[in-house]
Amino acid sequence: MRRRFKKREVRFYHPKRRWIWMIPLLTTVALVGLVLAFPHFLPVRRQGTEGRIVPGESSPPQPKPQPKPVHAPPVQESTTPSVPEDLAIPVLCYHDISDSPSFWAVTPEQFEEHLTALIGRGATFITMSEAVAMVLGSYLGPIPDRPVAVTIDDGFPSAYRNAYPLLQRLGVKATLFIYTNAIQATRGLTWEELKEMAHSGLVEIGSHSVSHAYPFLLRRRLSRSSFQGRLLWEATHSMELIRLNTGLTVTGFAYPGGQVDETLKEIVRKAGYQWAVSINPSPLTPKSDRYEIPRFAVAKRTSLRSLLKWTEGQWPHKRRQRSSVASVNRVHSTRQ
């Protein structure tokens, strides 16, 4: 006999279970609220010098970086004074300051007259190293209105006996170029006299090679490799001899006879010199080649009027430049 089961009535909304169905709904709403509010509790770094973490603050918007101009390099402050565009430094080249009948001998009275007249015109005498620093923009002091450089070639004993006392009395600076074979020769300059002049602060010592051999004459007698080797030895050995005997560092070179070309300039540069002088009646300017610095050659027959014109911007004609160098070579060749 089949039993009959009484169907029980199931009521979802039973009085005792009316809040159970809302638990999942409330849980879902709470989780969504937490997710939406979570970013507000994260720490944000404040934009400042201290770099502290400050809750609840957002960083300010950063400006977009601007592109740099292509043709505008950064401006750097110069530690050296600017070079005037019209800077022109006349460089005077003397040889023997004595009463010798030589073409290039200038009497002590003439030499004093030249210096006194230039001082009266407001000239400021500088060494060759100072002159080069001025045109390169590396001179630390103020550039004088009328700078003039005096150079004396060869190293005659008159440089110490006649010229040096006058330089001391007038307070004039000069640069002396010596070839080392002439030092300690009979009645010549001595290393002790060179050191005395250099340590006075008035005289700068430069090299004029070892033997004063003319480069263009050597080129005729020697092969190319022998010629370059000989000139490099003349430049480096003279520098080393001066350093060993006086303790001085030599930075400048004077080409014997004023003879210079691109090969000679490269050899002098390779030997370690920072500048070199020739003979060419024009001033030293910022555009000048510092390994072919021009000079005005002063001879016995050079008048004071001509000398003052050179220092005041009235340069000799181009045609006289070649004759001046030729006369230097001709007179010097008689001594070799």
C-alpha atoms as a PDB file:
ATOM      1  CA  MET A   1       0.000   0.000   0.000  1.00  0.00           C
ATOM      2  CA  ARG A   2       1.510   3.273  -1.139  1.00  0.00           C
ATOM      3  CA  ARG A   3       2.090   5.808   1.496  1.00  0.00           C
ATOM      4  CA  ARG A   4       0.945   9.249   0.878  1.00  0.00           C
ATOM      5  CA  PHE A   5       3.189  12.050   1.850  1.00  0.00           C
ATOM      6  CA  LYS A   6       1.765  15.337   2.713  1.00  0.00           C
ATOM      7  CA  LYS A   7       3.231  18.075   0.592  1.00  0.00           C
ATOM      8  CA  ARG A   8       4.885  20.632   2.798  1.00  0.00           C
ATOM      9  CA  GLU A   9       4.473  24.286   1.918  1.00  0.00           C
ATOM     10  CA  VAL A  10       7.787  26.089   1.498  1.00  0.00           C
ATOM     11  CA  ARG A  11       7.627  29.771   2.153  1.00  0.00           C
ATOM     12  CA  PHE A  12      10.669  31.753   0.955  1.00  0.00           C
ATOM     13  CA  TYR A  13       9.827  34.789   2.940  1.00  0.00           C
ATOM     14  CA  HIS A  14       9.633  33.014   6.148  1.00  0.00           C
ATOM     15  CA  PRO A  15       9.344  35.379   9.093  1.00  0.00           C
ATOM     16  CA  LYS A  16      12.461  33.961  10.661  1.00  0.00           C
ATOM     17  CA  ARG A  17      14.584  34.169   7.480  1.00  0.00           C
ATOM     18  CA  ARG A  18      13.504  37.445   5.848  1.00  0.00           C
ATOM     19  CA  TRP A  19      17.023  39.136   6.069  1.00  0.00           C
ATOM     20  CA  ILE A  20      19.140  36.223   4.864  1.00  0.00           C
ATOM     21  CA  TRP A  21      18.723  37.003   1.193  1.00  0.00           C
ATOM     22  CA  MET A  22      20.097  40.573   1.683  1.00  0.00           C
ATOM     23  CA  ILE A  23      23.526  39.471   3.040  1.00  0.00           C
ATOM     24  CA  PRO A  24      25.117  38.796  -0.401  1.00  0.00           C
ATOM     25  CA  LEU A  25      23.749  42.071  -1.721  1.00  0.00           C
ATOM     26  CA  LEU A  26      25.135  44.130   1.153  1.00  0.00           C
ATOM     27  CA  THR A  27      28.509  42.389   0.931  1.00  0.00           C
ATOM     28  CA  THR A  28      28.774  43.209  -2.776  1.00  0.00           C
ATOM     29  CA  VAL A  29      27.889  46.874  -2.202  1.00  0.00           C
ATOM     30  CA  ALA A  30      30.518  47.165   0.577  1.00  0.00           C
ATOM     31  CA  LEU A  31      33.255  45.662  -1.557  1.00  0.00           C
ATOM     32  CA  VAL A  32      32.494  48.022  -4.460  1.00  0.00           C
ATOM     33  CA  GLY A  33      32.642  50.990  -2.101  1.00  0.00           C
ATOM     34  CA  LEU A  34      35.997  49.943  -0.743  1.00  0.00           C
ATOM     35  CA  VAL A  35      37.425  49.548  -4.226  1.00  0.00           C
ATOM     36  CA  LEU A  36      36.237  53.015  -5.266  1.00  0.00           C
ATOM     37  CA  ALA A  37      37.579  54.682  -2.109  1.00  0.00           C
ATOM     38  CA  PHE A  38      40.959  52.861  -2.087  1.00  0.00           C
ATOM     39  CA  PRO A  39      42.984  55.489  -4.166  1.00  0.00           C
ATOM     40  CA  HIS A  40      42.189  58.190  -1.609  1.00  0.00           C
ATOM     41  CA  PHE A  41      44.116  56.296   1.059  1.00  0.00           C
ATOM     42  CA  LEU A  42      47.295  55.880  -1.003  1.00  0.00           C
ATOM     43  CA  PRO A  43      50.300  58.157  -0.053  1.00  0.00           C
ATOM     44  CA  VAL A  44      51.299  60.722  -2.682  1.00  0.00           C
ATOM     45  CA  ARG A  45      54.774  62.353  -2.884  1.00  0.00           C
ATOM     46  CA  ARG A  46      54.662  66.095  -2.485  1.00  0.00           C
ATOM     47  CA  GLN A  47      56.663  68.162  -4.988  1.00  0.00           C
ATOM     48  CA  GLY A  48      59.100  70.015  -2.771  1.00  0.00           C
ATOM     49  CA  THR A  49      62.688  70.244  -1.583  1.00  0.00           C
ATOM     50  CA  GLU A  50      62.164  67.958   1.415  1.00  0.00           C
ATOM     51  CA  GLY A  51      60.761  65.017  -0.556  1.00  0.00           C
ATOM     52  CA  ARG A  52      58.386  63.823   2.233  1.00  0.00           C
ATOM     53  CA  ILE A  53      55.413  61.530   1.748  1.00  0.00           C
ATOM     54  CA  VAL A  54      52.158  63.410   2.478  1.00  0.00           C
ATOM     55  CA  PRO A  55      48.891  61.437   2.492  1.00  0.00           C
ATOM     56  CA  GLY A  56      45.913  62.702   0.581  1.00  0.00           C
ATOM     57  CA  GLU A  57      47.767  65.113  -1.687  1.00  0.00           C
ATOM     58  CA  SER A  58      48.279  64.795  -5.382  1.00  0.00           C
ATOM     59  CA  SER A  59      51.272  66.109  -7.289  1.00  0.00           C
ATOM     60  CA  PRO A  60      50.739  69.259  -9.377  1.00  0.00           C
ATOM     61  CA  PRO A  61      50.694  68.841 -13.142  1.00  0.00           C
ATOM     62  CA  GLN A  62      54.156  68.997 -14.648  1.00  0.00           C
ATOM     63  CA  PRO A  63      54.739  71.372 -17.618  1.00  0.00           C
ATOM     64  CA  LYS A  64      55.640  69.768 -20.884  1.00  0.00           C
ATOM     65  CA  PRO A  65      59.354  70.075 -21.718  1.00  0.00           C
ATOM     66  CA  GLN A  66      60.058  72.645 -24.405  1.00  0.00           C
ATOM     67  CA  PRO A  67      62.333  71.625 -27.290  1.00  0.00           C
ATOM     68  CA  LYS A  68      65.779  73.247 -27.304  1.00  0.00           C
ATOM     69  CA  PRO A  69      66.652  75.484 -30.239  1.00  0.00           C
ATOM     70  CA  VAL A  70      69.012  73.827 -32.664  1.00  0.00           C
ATOM     71  CA  HIS A  71      71.211  76.872 -33.320  1.00  0.00           C
ATOM     72  CA  ALA A  72      71.414  78.201 -29.777  1.00  0.00           C
ATOM     73  CA  PRO A  73      74.316  76.628 -27.841  1.00  0.00           C
ATOM     74  CA  PRO A  74      74.412  77.278 -24.101  1.00  0.00           C
ATOM     75  CA  VAL A  75      76.101  80.514 -23.132  1.00  0.00           C
ATOM     76  CA  GLN A  76      79.139  80.082 -20.889  1.00  0.00           C
ATOM     77  CA  GLU A  77      80.619  82.866 -18.830  1.00  0.00           C
ATOM     78  CA  SER A  78      84.134  83.670 -20.010  1.00  0.00           C
ATOM     79  CA  THR A  79      86.829  83.879 -17.345  1.00  0.00           C
ATOM     80  CA  THR A  80      89.106  85.889 -19.665  1.00  0.00           C
ATOM     81  CA  PRO A  81      88.530  89.342 -21.114  1.00  0.00           C
ATOM     82  CA  SER A  82      87.295  89.551 -24.677  1.00  0.00           C
ATOM     83  CA  VAL A  83      89.805  90.401 -27.406  1.00  0.00           C
ATOM     84  CA  PRO A  84      89.230  93.787 -29.032  1.00  0.00           C
ATOM     85  CA  GLU A  85      88.660  93.417 -32.765  1.00  0.00           C
ATOM     86  CA  ASP A  86      91.050  96.271 -33.537  1.00  0.00           C
ATOM     87  CA  LEU A  87      93.876  94.958 -31.316  1.00  0.00           C
ATOM     88  CA  ALA A  88      97.217  95.368 -33.123  1.00  0.00           C
ATOM     89  CA  ILE A  89     100.535  94.897 -31.325  1.00  0.00           C
ATOM     90  CA  PRO A  90     103.686  96.113 -33.110  1.00  0.00           C
ATOM     91  CA  VAL A  91     106.684  93.864 -32.431  1.00  0.00           C
ATOM     92  CA  LEU A  92     110.115  95.495 -32.842  1.00  0.00           C
ATOM     93  CA  CYS A  93     113.125  93.335 -33.720  1.00  0.00           C
ATOM     94  CA  TYR A  94     116.582  94.549 -32.619  1.00  0.00           C
ATOM     95  CA  HIS A  95     119.898  92.714 -32.826  1.00  0.00           C
ATOM     96  CA  ASP A  96     123.107  94.327 -31.548  1.00  0.00           C
ATOM     97  CA  ILE A  97     122.804  97.334 -29.205  1.00  0.00           C
ATOM     98  CA  SER A  98     126.317  98.692 -29.638  1.00  0.00           C
ATOM     99  CA  ASP A  99     128.520 101.074 -31.618  1.00  0.00           C
ATOM    100  CA  SER A 100     129.425  98.330 -34.088  1.00  0.00           C
ATOM    101  CA  PRO A 101     129.492  99.354 -37.772  1.00  0.00           C
ATOM    102  CA  SER A 102     127.209  96.412 -38.558  1.00  0.00           C
ATOM    103  CA  PHE A 103     124.048  97.121 -40.541  1.00  0.00           C
ATOM    104  CA  TRP A 104     121.855  95.783 -37.711  1.00  0.00           C
ATOM    105  CA  ALA A 105     123.750  97.443 -34.852  1.00  0.00           C
ATOM    106  CA  VAL A 106     121.765 100.163 -33.091  1.00  0.00           C
ATOM    107  CA  THR A 107     123.738 102.428 -30.785  1.00  0.00           C
ATOM    108  CA  PRO A 108     122.737 102.585 -27.097  1.00  0.00           C
ATOM    109  CA  GLU A 109     121.824 106.237 -27.635  1.00  0.00           C
ATOM    110  CA  GLN A 110     119.465 105.300 -30.486  1.00  0.00           C
ATOM    111  CA  PHE A 111     117.933 102.505 -28.435  1.00  0.00           C
ATOM    112  CA  GLU A 112     117.308 104.859 -25.521  1.00  0.00           C
ATOM    113  CA  GLU A 113     115.830 107.464 -27.858  1.00  0.00           C
ATOM    114  CA  HIS A 114     113.443 104.872 -29.298  1.00  0.00           C
ATOM    115  CA  LEU A 115     112.248 103.667 -25.915  1.00  0.00           C
ATOM    116  CA  THR A 116     111.910 107.166 -24.451  1.00  0.00           C
ATOM    117  CA  ALA A 117     109.872 108.361 -27.436  1.00  0.00           C
ATOM    118  CA  LEU A 118     107.562 105.355 -27.214  1.00  0.00           C
ATOM    119  CA  ILE A 119     107.076 105.901 -23.484  1.00  0.00           C
ATOM    120  CA  GLY A 120     106.212 109.521 -24.218  1.00  0.00           C
ATOM    121  CA  ARG A 121     103.547 108.342 -26.689  1.00  0.00           C
ATOM    122  CA  GLY A 122     101.914 106.204 -24.016  1.00  0.00           C
ATOM    123  CA  ALA A 123     103.298 102.807 -25.033  1.00  0.00           C
ATOM    124  CA  THR A 124     103.161  99.870 -22.618  1.00  0.00           C
ATOM    125  CA  PHE A 125     105.996  97.376 -23.119  1.00  0.00           C
ATOM    126  CA  ILE A 126     105.123  93.677 -22.863  1.00  0.00           C
ATOM    127  CA  THR A 127     106.915  90.381 -23.465  1.00  0.00           C
ATOM    128  CA  MET A 128     106.120  88.178 -26.442  1.00  0.00           C
ATOM    129  CA  SER A 129     104.321  85.642 -24.270  1.00  0.00           C
ATOM    130  CA  GLU A 130     102.092  88.412 -22.965  1.00  0.00           C
ATOM    131  CA  ALA A 131     101.455  89.652 -26.497  1.00  0.00           C
ATOM    132  CA  VAL A 132     100.433  86.178 -27.661  1.00  0.00           C
ATOM    133  CA  ALA A 133      98.158  85.773 -24.638  1.00  0.00           C
ATOM    134  CA  MET A 134      96.455  89.069 -25.464  1.00  0.00           C
ATOM    135  CA  VAL A 135      95.571  88.126 -29.040  1.00  0.00           C
ATOM    136  CA  LEU A 136      94.453  84.640 -27.956  1.00  0.00           C
ATOM    137  CA  GLY A 137      92.189  85.981 -25.206  1.00  0.00           C
ATOM    138  CA  SER A 138      94.037  84.259 -22.353  1.00  0.00           C
ATOM    139  CA  TYR A 139      95.659  87.370 -20.874  1.00  0.00           C
ATOM    140  CA  LEU A 140      94.339  87.813 -17.332  1.00  0.00           C
ATOM    141  CA  GLY A 141      95.056  91.491 -16.816  1.00  0.00           C
ATOM    142  CA  PRO A 142      93.588  94.511 -18.589  1.00  0.00           C
ATOM    143  CA  ILE A 143      94.838  95.017 -22.137  1.00  0.00           C
ATOM    144  CA  PRO A 144      96.740  98.328 -22.400  1.00  0.00           C
ATOM    145  CA  ASP A 145      95.767 100.948 -24.946  1.00  0.00           C
ATOM    146  CA  ARG A 146      99.117 100.894 -26.775  1.00  0.00           C
ATOM    147  CA  PRO A 147     101.003  97.638 -26.205  1.00  0.00           C
ATOM    148  CA  VAL A 148     104.444  97.301 -27.815  1.00  0.00           C
ATOM    149  CA  ALA A 149     106.748  94.259 -27.757  1.00  0.00           C
ATOM    150  CA  VAL A 150     110.535  94.665 -27.983  1.00  0.00           C
ATOM    151  CA  THR A 151     112.618  91.664 -29.079  1.00  0.00           C
ATOM    152  CA  ILE A 152     116.413  91.307 -29.327  1.00  0.00           C
ATOM    153  CA  ASP A 153     117.847  88.494 -31.471  1.00  0.00           C
ATOM    154  CA  ASP A 154     121.037  86.431 -31.399  1.00  0.00           C
ATOM    155  CA  GLY A 155     122.297  87.045 -27.876  1.00  0.00           C
ATOM    156  CA  PHE A 156     125.078  89.554 -28.431  1.00  0.00           C
ATOM    157  CA  PRO A 157     126.951  90.506 -25.229  1.00  0.00           C
ATOM    158  CA  SER A 158     125.574  94.019 -25.703  1.00  0.00           C
ATOM    159  CA  ALA A 159     122.163  92.670 -24.686  1.00  0.00           C
ATOM    160  CA  TYR A 160     123.453  92.422 -21.127  1.00  0.00           C
ATOM    161  CA  ARG A 161     126.021  95.205 -21.078  1.00  0.00           C
ATOM    162  CA  ASN A 162     124.109  97.952 -22.906  1.00  0.00           C
ATOM    163  CA  ALA A 163     120.454  97.036 -23.335  1.00  0.00           C
ATOM    164  CA  TYR A 164     119.720  95.453 -19.962  1.00  0.00           C
ATOM    165  CA  PRO A 165     120.769  98.473 -17.807  1.00  0.00           C
ATOM    166  CA  LEU A 166     118.556 100.680 -19.971  1.00  0.00           C
ATOM    167  CA  LEU A 167     115.615  98.306 -19.632  1.00  0.00           C
ATOM    168  CA  GLN A 168     116.050  98.395 -15.856  1.00  0.00           C
ATOM    169  CA  ARG A 169     116.252 102.172 -15.697  1.00  0.00           C
ATOM    170  CA  LEU A 170     113.159 102.735 -17.848  1.00  0.00           C
ATOM    171  CA  GLY A 171     111.201  99.714 -16.611  1.00  0.00           C
ATOM    172  CA  VAL A 172     110.848  98.254 -20.102  1.00  0.00           C
ATOM    173  CA  LYS A 173     110.124  94.584 -20.786  1.00  0.00           C
ATOM    174  CA  ALA A 174     111.803  92.743 -23.680  1.00  0.00           C
ATOM    175  CA  THR A 175     112.208  89.246 -25.122  1.00  0.00           C
ATOM    176  CA  LEU A 176     115.706  87.958 -25.900  1.00  0.00           C
ATOM    177  CA  PHE A 177     116.132  85.175 -28.482  1.00  0.00           C
ATOM    178  CA  ILE A 178     119.471  83.368 -28.247  1.00  0.00           C
ATOM    179  CA  TYR A 179     121.146  80.644 -30.261  1.00  0.00           C
ATOM    180  CA  THR A 180     122.939  78.464 -27.763  1.00  0.00           C
ATOM    181  CA  ASN A 181     126.262  78.159 -29.617  1.00  0.00           C
ATOM    182  CA  ALA A 182     126.817  81.871 -28.961  1.00  0.00           C
ATOM    183  CA  ILE A 183     126.565  81.462 -25.190  1.00  0.00           C
ATOM    184  CA  GLN A 184     129.863  81.041 -23.332  1.00  0.00           C
ATOM    185  CA  ALA A 185     131.698  81.897 -26.552  1.00  0.00           C
ATOM    186  CA  THR A 186     134.575  84.358 -26.561  1.00  0.00           C
ATOM    187  CA  ARG A 187     133.283  87.695 -25.259  1.00  0.00           C
ATOM    188  CA  GLY A 188     129.735  86.385 -25.512  1.00  0.00           C
ATOM    189  CA  LEU A 189     126.828  86.171 -23.111  1.00  0.00           C
ATOM    190  CA  THR A 190     127.033  83.713 -20.223  1.00  0.00           C
ATOM    191  CA  TRP A 191     124.357  81.531 -18.683  1.00  0.00           C
ATOM    192  CA  GLU A 192     124.714  83.473 -15.427  1.00  0.00           C
ATOM    193  CA  GLU A 193     123.933  86.748 -17.214  1.00  0.00           C
ATOM    194  CA  LEU A 194     120.900  85.159 -18.866  1.00  0.00           C
ATOM    195  CA  LYS A 195     119.610  83.938 -15.515  1.00  0.00           C
ATOM    196  CA  GLU A 196     120.094  87.366 -13.969  1.00  0.00           C
ATOM    197  CA  MET A 197     118.125  89.062 -16.731  1.00  0.00           C
ATOM    198  CA  ALA A 198     115.364  86.452 -16.684  1.00  0.00           C
ATOM    199  CA  HIS A 199     114.930  86.603 -12.910  1.00  0.00           C
ATOM    200  CA  SER A 200     114.592  90.391 -13.005  1.00  0.00           C
ATOM    201  CA  GLY A 201     111.074  90.035 -14.424  1.00  0.00           C
ATOM    202  CA  LEU A 202     111.927  92.304 -17.359  1.00  0.00           C
ATOM    203  CA  VAL A 203     113.528  89.913 -19.857  1.00  0.00           C
ATOM    204  CA  GLU A 204     111.950  86.805 -21.339  1.00  0.00           C
ATOM    205  CA  ILE A 205     114.274  84.222 -22.909  1.00  0.00           C
ATOM    206  CA  GLY A 206     113.382  82.489 -26.171  1.00  0.00           C
ATOM    207  CA  SER A 207     115.200  80.113 -28.508  1.00  0.00           C
ATOM    208  CA  HIS A 208     116.887  81.091 -31.769  1.00  0.00           C
ATOM    209  CA  SER A 209     118.078  77.518 -32.563  1.00  0.00           C
ATOM    210  CA  VAL A 210     121.462  75.989 -31.730  1.00  0.00           C
ATOM    211  CA  SER A 211     123.736  77.131 -34.538  1.00  0.00           C
ATOM    212  CA  HIS A 212     121.678  79.883 -36.229  1.00  0.00           C
ATOM    213  CA  ALA A 213     121.862  77.907 -39.472  1.00  0.00           C
ATOM    214  CA  TYR A 214     119.577  79.260 -42.184  1.00  0.00           C
ATOM    215  CA  PRO A 215     116.858  76.714 -42.988  1.00  0.00           C
ATOM    216  CA  PHE A 216     116.683  77.493 -46.709  1.00  0.00           C
ATOM    217  CA  LEU A 217     120.436  77.042 -47.087  1.00  0.00           C
ATOM    218  CA  LEU A 218     120.302  73.714 -45.235  1.00  0.00           C
ATOM    219  CA  ARG A 219     117.538  72.521 -47.530  1.00  0.00           C
ATOM    220  CA  ARG A 220     119.854  72.876 -50.546  1.00  0.00           C
ATOM    221  CA  ARG A 221     122.553  70.730 -48.985  1.00  0.00           C
ATOM    222  CA  LEU A 222     120.569  68.023 -47.198  1.00  0.00           C
ATOM    223  CA  SER A 223     118.032  65.384 -48.169  1.00  0.00           C
ATOM    224  CA  ARG A 224     114.437  65.851 -47.107  1.00  0.00           C
ATOM    225  CA  SER A 225     114.648  63.506 -44.117  1.00  0.00           C
ATOM    226  CA  SER A 226     118.052  64.862 -43.023  1.00  0.00           C
ATOM    227  CA  PHE A 227     116.815  68.419 -43.380  1.00  0.00           C
ATOM    228  CA  GLN A 228     113.767  67.839 -41.189  1.00  0.00           C
ATOM    229  CA  GLY A 229     115.796  65.891 -38.638  1.00  0.00           C
ATOM    230  CA  ARG A 230     118.383  68.678 -38.418  1.00  0.00           C
ATOM    231  CA  LEU A 231     115.774  71.396 -37.907  1.00  0.00           C
ATOM    232  CA  LEU A 232     113.944  69.366 -35.274  1.00  0.00           C
ATOM    233  CA  TRP A 233     117.239  68.862 -33.430  1.00  0.00           C
ATOM    234  CA  GLU A 234     118.009  72.605 -33.643  1.00  0.00           C
ATOM    235  CA  ALA A 235     114.619  73.432 -32.116  1.00  0.00           C
ATOM    236  CA  THR A 236     114.463  70.785 -29.387  1.00  0.00           C
ATOM    237  CA  HIS A 237     118.137  70.802 -28.352  1.00  0.00           C
ATOM    238  CA  SER A 238     118.274  74.571 -27.916  1.00  0.00           C
ATOM    239  CA  MET A 239     115.163  74.464 -25.739  1.00  0.00           C
ATOM    240  CA  GLU A 240     116.689  71.720 -23.600  1.00  0.00           C
ATOM    241  CA  LEU A 241     120.036  73.516 -23.219  1.00  0.00           C
ATOM    242  CA  ILE A 242     118.340  76.689 -22.019  1.00  0.00           C
ATOM    243  CA  ARG A 243     116.279  74.722 -19.525  1.00  0.00           C
ATOM    244  CA  LEU A 244     119.276  72.797 -18.160  1.00  0.00           C
ATOM    245  CA  ASN A 245     121.483  75.868 -17.762  1.00  0.00           C
ATOM    246  CA  THR A 246     118.942  78.395 -16.514  1.00  0.00           C
ATOM    247  CA  GLY A 247     115.972  76.398 -15.229  1.00  0.00           C
ATOM    248  CA  LEU A 248     113.690  78.396 -17.542  1.00  0.00           C
ATOM    249  CA  THR A 249     110.809  76.997 -19.578  1.00  0.00           C
ATOM    250  CA  VAL A 250     111.048  78.228 -23.163  1.00  0.00           C
ATOM    251  CA  THR A 251     107.794  78.707 -25.063  1.00  0.00           C
ATOM    252  CA  GLY A 252     108.845  80.864 -28.044  1.00  0.00           C
ATOM    253  CA  PHE A 253     111.117  80.405 -31.058  1.00  0.00           C
ATOM    254  CA  ALA A 254     112.645  82.870 -33.527  1.00  0.00           C
ATOM    255  CA  TYR A 255     113.353  81.540 -37.030  1.00  0.00           C
ATOM    256  CA  PRO A 256     116.964  82.233 -38.053  1.00  0.00           C
ATOM    257  CA  GLY A 257     116.936  84.921 -40.709  1.00  0.00           C
ATOM    258  CA  GLY A 258     113.161  85.083 -40.511  1.00  0.00           C
ATOM    259  CA  GLN A 259     112.974  82.150 -42.917  1.00  0.00           C
ATOM    260  CA  VAL A 260     109.730  80.240 -42.452  1.00  0.00           C
ATOM    261  CA  ASP A 261     107.362  78.012 -44.401  1.00  0.00           C
ATOM    262  CA  GLU A 262     104.739  75.401 -43.541  1.00  0.00           C
ATOM    263  CA  THR A 263     107.363  72.685 -42.996  1.00  0.00           C
ATOM    264  CA  LEU A 264     109.283  74.820 -40.516  1.00  0.00           C
ATOM    265  CA  LYS A 265     106.128  75.802 -38.645  1.00  0.00           C
ATOM    266  CA  GLU A 266     105.157  72.159 -38.254  1.00  0.00           C
ATOM    267  CA  ILE A 267     108.627  71.262 -36.951  1.00  0.00           C
ATOM    268  CA  VAL A 268     108.571  74.076 -34.389  1.00  0.00           C
ATOM    269  CA  ARG A 269     105.091  73.046 -33.279  1.00  0.00           C
ATOM    270  CA  LYS A 270     106.247  69.437 -32.981  1.00  0.00           C
ATOM    271  CA  ALA A 271     109.243  70.529 -30.880  1.00  0.00           C
ATOM    272  CA  GLY A 272     106.840  71.866 -28.246  1.00  0.00           C
ATOM    273  CA  TYR A 273     106.908  75.630 -28.817  1.00  0.00           C
ATOM    274  CA  GLN A 274     103.700  77.591 -28.329  1.00  0.00           C
ATOM    275  CA  TRP A 275     104.522  80.397 -30.755  1.00  0.00           C
ATOM    276  CA  ALA A 276     107.264  81.575 -33.126  1.00  0.00           C
ATOM    277  CA  VAL A 277     108.334  84.879 -34.650  1.00  0.00           C
ATOM    278  CA  SER A 278     109.544  85.822 -38.092  1.00  0.00           C
ATOM    279  CA  ILE A 279     110.401  89.142 -39.774  1.00  0.00           C
ATOM    280  CA  ASN A 280     107.568  90.784 -41.688  1.00  0.00           C
ATOM    281  CA  PRO A 281     106.695  94.456 -41.105  1.00  0.00           C
ATOM    282  CA  SER A 282     103.124  94.204 -39.896  1.00  0.00           C
ATOM    283  CA  PRO A 283     101.524  94.072 -36.439  1.00  0.00           C
ATOM    284  CA  LEU A 284     100.452  91.070 -34.424  1.00  0.00           C
ATOM    285  CA  THR A 285      96.642  90.782 -34.474  1.00  0.00           C
ATOM    286  CA  PRO A 286      94.090  88.154 -33.361  1.00  0.00           C
ATOM    287  CA  LYS A 287      94.082  86.878 -36.961  1.00  0.00           C
ATOM    288  CA  SER A 288      97.867  86.358 -37.092  1.00  0.00           C
ATOM    289  CA  ASP A 289      99.374  82.886 -37.286  1.00  0.00           C
ATOM    290  CA  ARG A 290     101.012  82.387 -33.886  1.00  0.00           C
ATOM    291  CA  TYR A 291     103.744  80.279 -35.542  1.00  0.00           C
ATOM    292  CA  GLU A 292     104.563  83.097 -37.956  1.00  0.00           C
ATOM    293  CA  ILE A 293     104.297  86.247 -35.859  1.00  0.00           C
ATOM    294  CA  PRO A 294     105.414  89.315 -37.845  1.00  0.00           C
ATOM    295  CA  ARG A 295     108.011  91.788 -36.588  1.00  0.00           C
ATOM    296  CA  PHE A 296     109.440  95.146 -37.664  1.00  0.00           C
ATOM    297  CA  ALA A 297     113.208  94.857 -38.176  1.00  0.00           C
ATOM    298  CA  VAL A 298     115.050  97.856 -36.675  1.00  0.00           C
ATOM    299  CA  ALA A 299     118.425  98.670 -38.254  1.00  0.00           C
ATOM    300  CA  LYS A 300     121.044 101.377 -37.829  1.00  0.00           C
ATOM    301  CA  ARG A 301     119.419 103.525 -40.517  1.00  0.00           C
ATOM    302  CA  THR A 302     115.903 103.200 -39.099  1.00  0.00           C
ATOM    303  CA  SER A 303     114.737 106.696 -38.249  1.00  0.00           C
ATOM    304  CA  LEU A 304     112.745 107.538 -35.155  1.00  0.00           C
ATOM    305  CA  ARG A 305     109.987 108.854 -37.390  1.00  0.00           C
ATOM    306  CA  SER A 306     109.662 105.483 -39.134  1.00  0.00           C
ATOM    307  CA  LEU A 307     109.668 103.647 -35.834  1.00  0.00           C
ATOM    308  CA  LEU A 308     106.850 105.807 -34.459  1.00  0.00           C
ATOM    309  CA  LYS A 309     104.835 105.292 -37.637  1.00  0.00           C
ATOM    310  CA  TRP A 310     105.119 101.522 -37.194  1.00  0.00           C
ATOM    311  CA  THR A 311     103.791 101.724 -33.663  1.00  0.00           C
ATOM    312  CA  GLU A 312     100.956 104.060 -34.658  1.00  0.00           C
ATOM    313  CA  GLY A 313      99.488 101.927 -37.426  1.00  0.00           C
ATOM    314  CA  GLN A 314     101.324 103.179 -40.497  1.00  0.00           C
ATOM    315  CA  TRP A 315     102.760  99.920 -41.817  1.00  0.00           C
ATOM    316  CA  PRO A 316     105.368  99.720 -44.596  1.00  0.00           C
ATOM    317  CA  HIS A 317     104.256  98.878 -48.115  1.00  0.00           C
ATOM    318  CA  LYS A 318     103.928  95.190 -49.032  1.00  0.00           C
ATOM    319  CA  ARG A 319     106.772  95.556 -51.504  1.00  0.00           C
ATOM    320  CA  ARG A 320     109.170  96.480 -48.700  1.00  0.00           C
ATOM    321  CA  GLN A 321     108.309  93.373 -46.714  1.00  0.00           C
ATOM    322  CA  ARG A 322     110.162  91.085 -49.116  1.00  0.00           C
ATOM    323  CA  SER A 323     113.174  93.392 -49.301  1.00  0.00           C
ATOM    324  CA  SER A 324     113.317  93.572 -45.503  1.00  0.00           C
ATOM    325  CA  VAL A 325     113.529  89.792 -45.128  1.00  0.00           C
ATOM    326  CA  ALA A 326     116.062  89.590 -47.957  1.00  0.00           C
ATOM    327  CA  SER A 327     118.281  92.175 -46.275  1.00  0.00           C
ATOM    328  CA  VAL A 328     118.186  90.258 -43.006  1.00  0.00           C
ATOM    329  CA  ASN A 329     119.267  87.074 -44.783  1.00  0.00           C
ATOM    330  CA  ARG A 330     121.989  88.853 -46.701  1.00  0.00           C
ATOM    331  CA  VAL A 331     123.560  90.533 -43.677  1.00  0.00           C
ATOM    332  CA  HIS A 332     123.308  87.426 -41.476  1.00  0.00           C
ATOM    333  CA  SER A 333     124.811  85.181 -44.155  1.00  0.00           C
ATOM    334  CA  THR A 334     128.075  87.118 -43.887  1.00  0.00           C
ATOM    335  CA  ARG A 335     128.382  85.953 -40.260  1.00  0.00           C
ATOM    336  CA  GLN A 336     128.061  82.240 -41.002  1.00  0.00           C
END
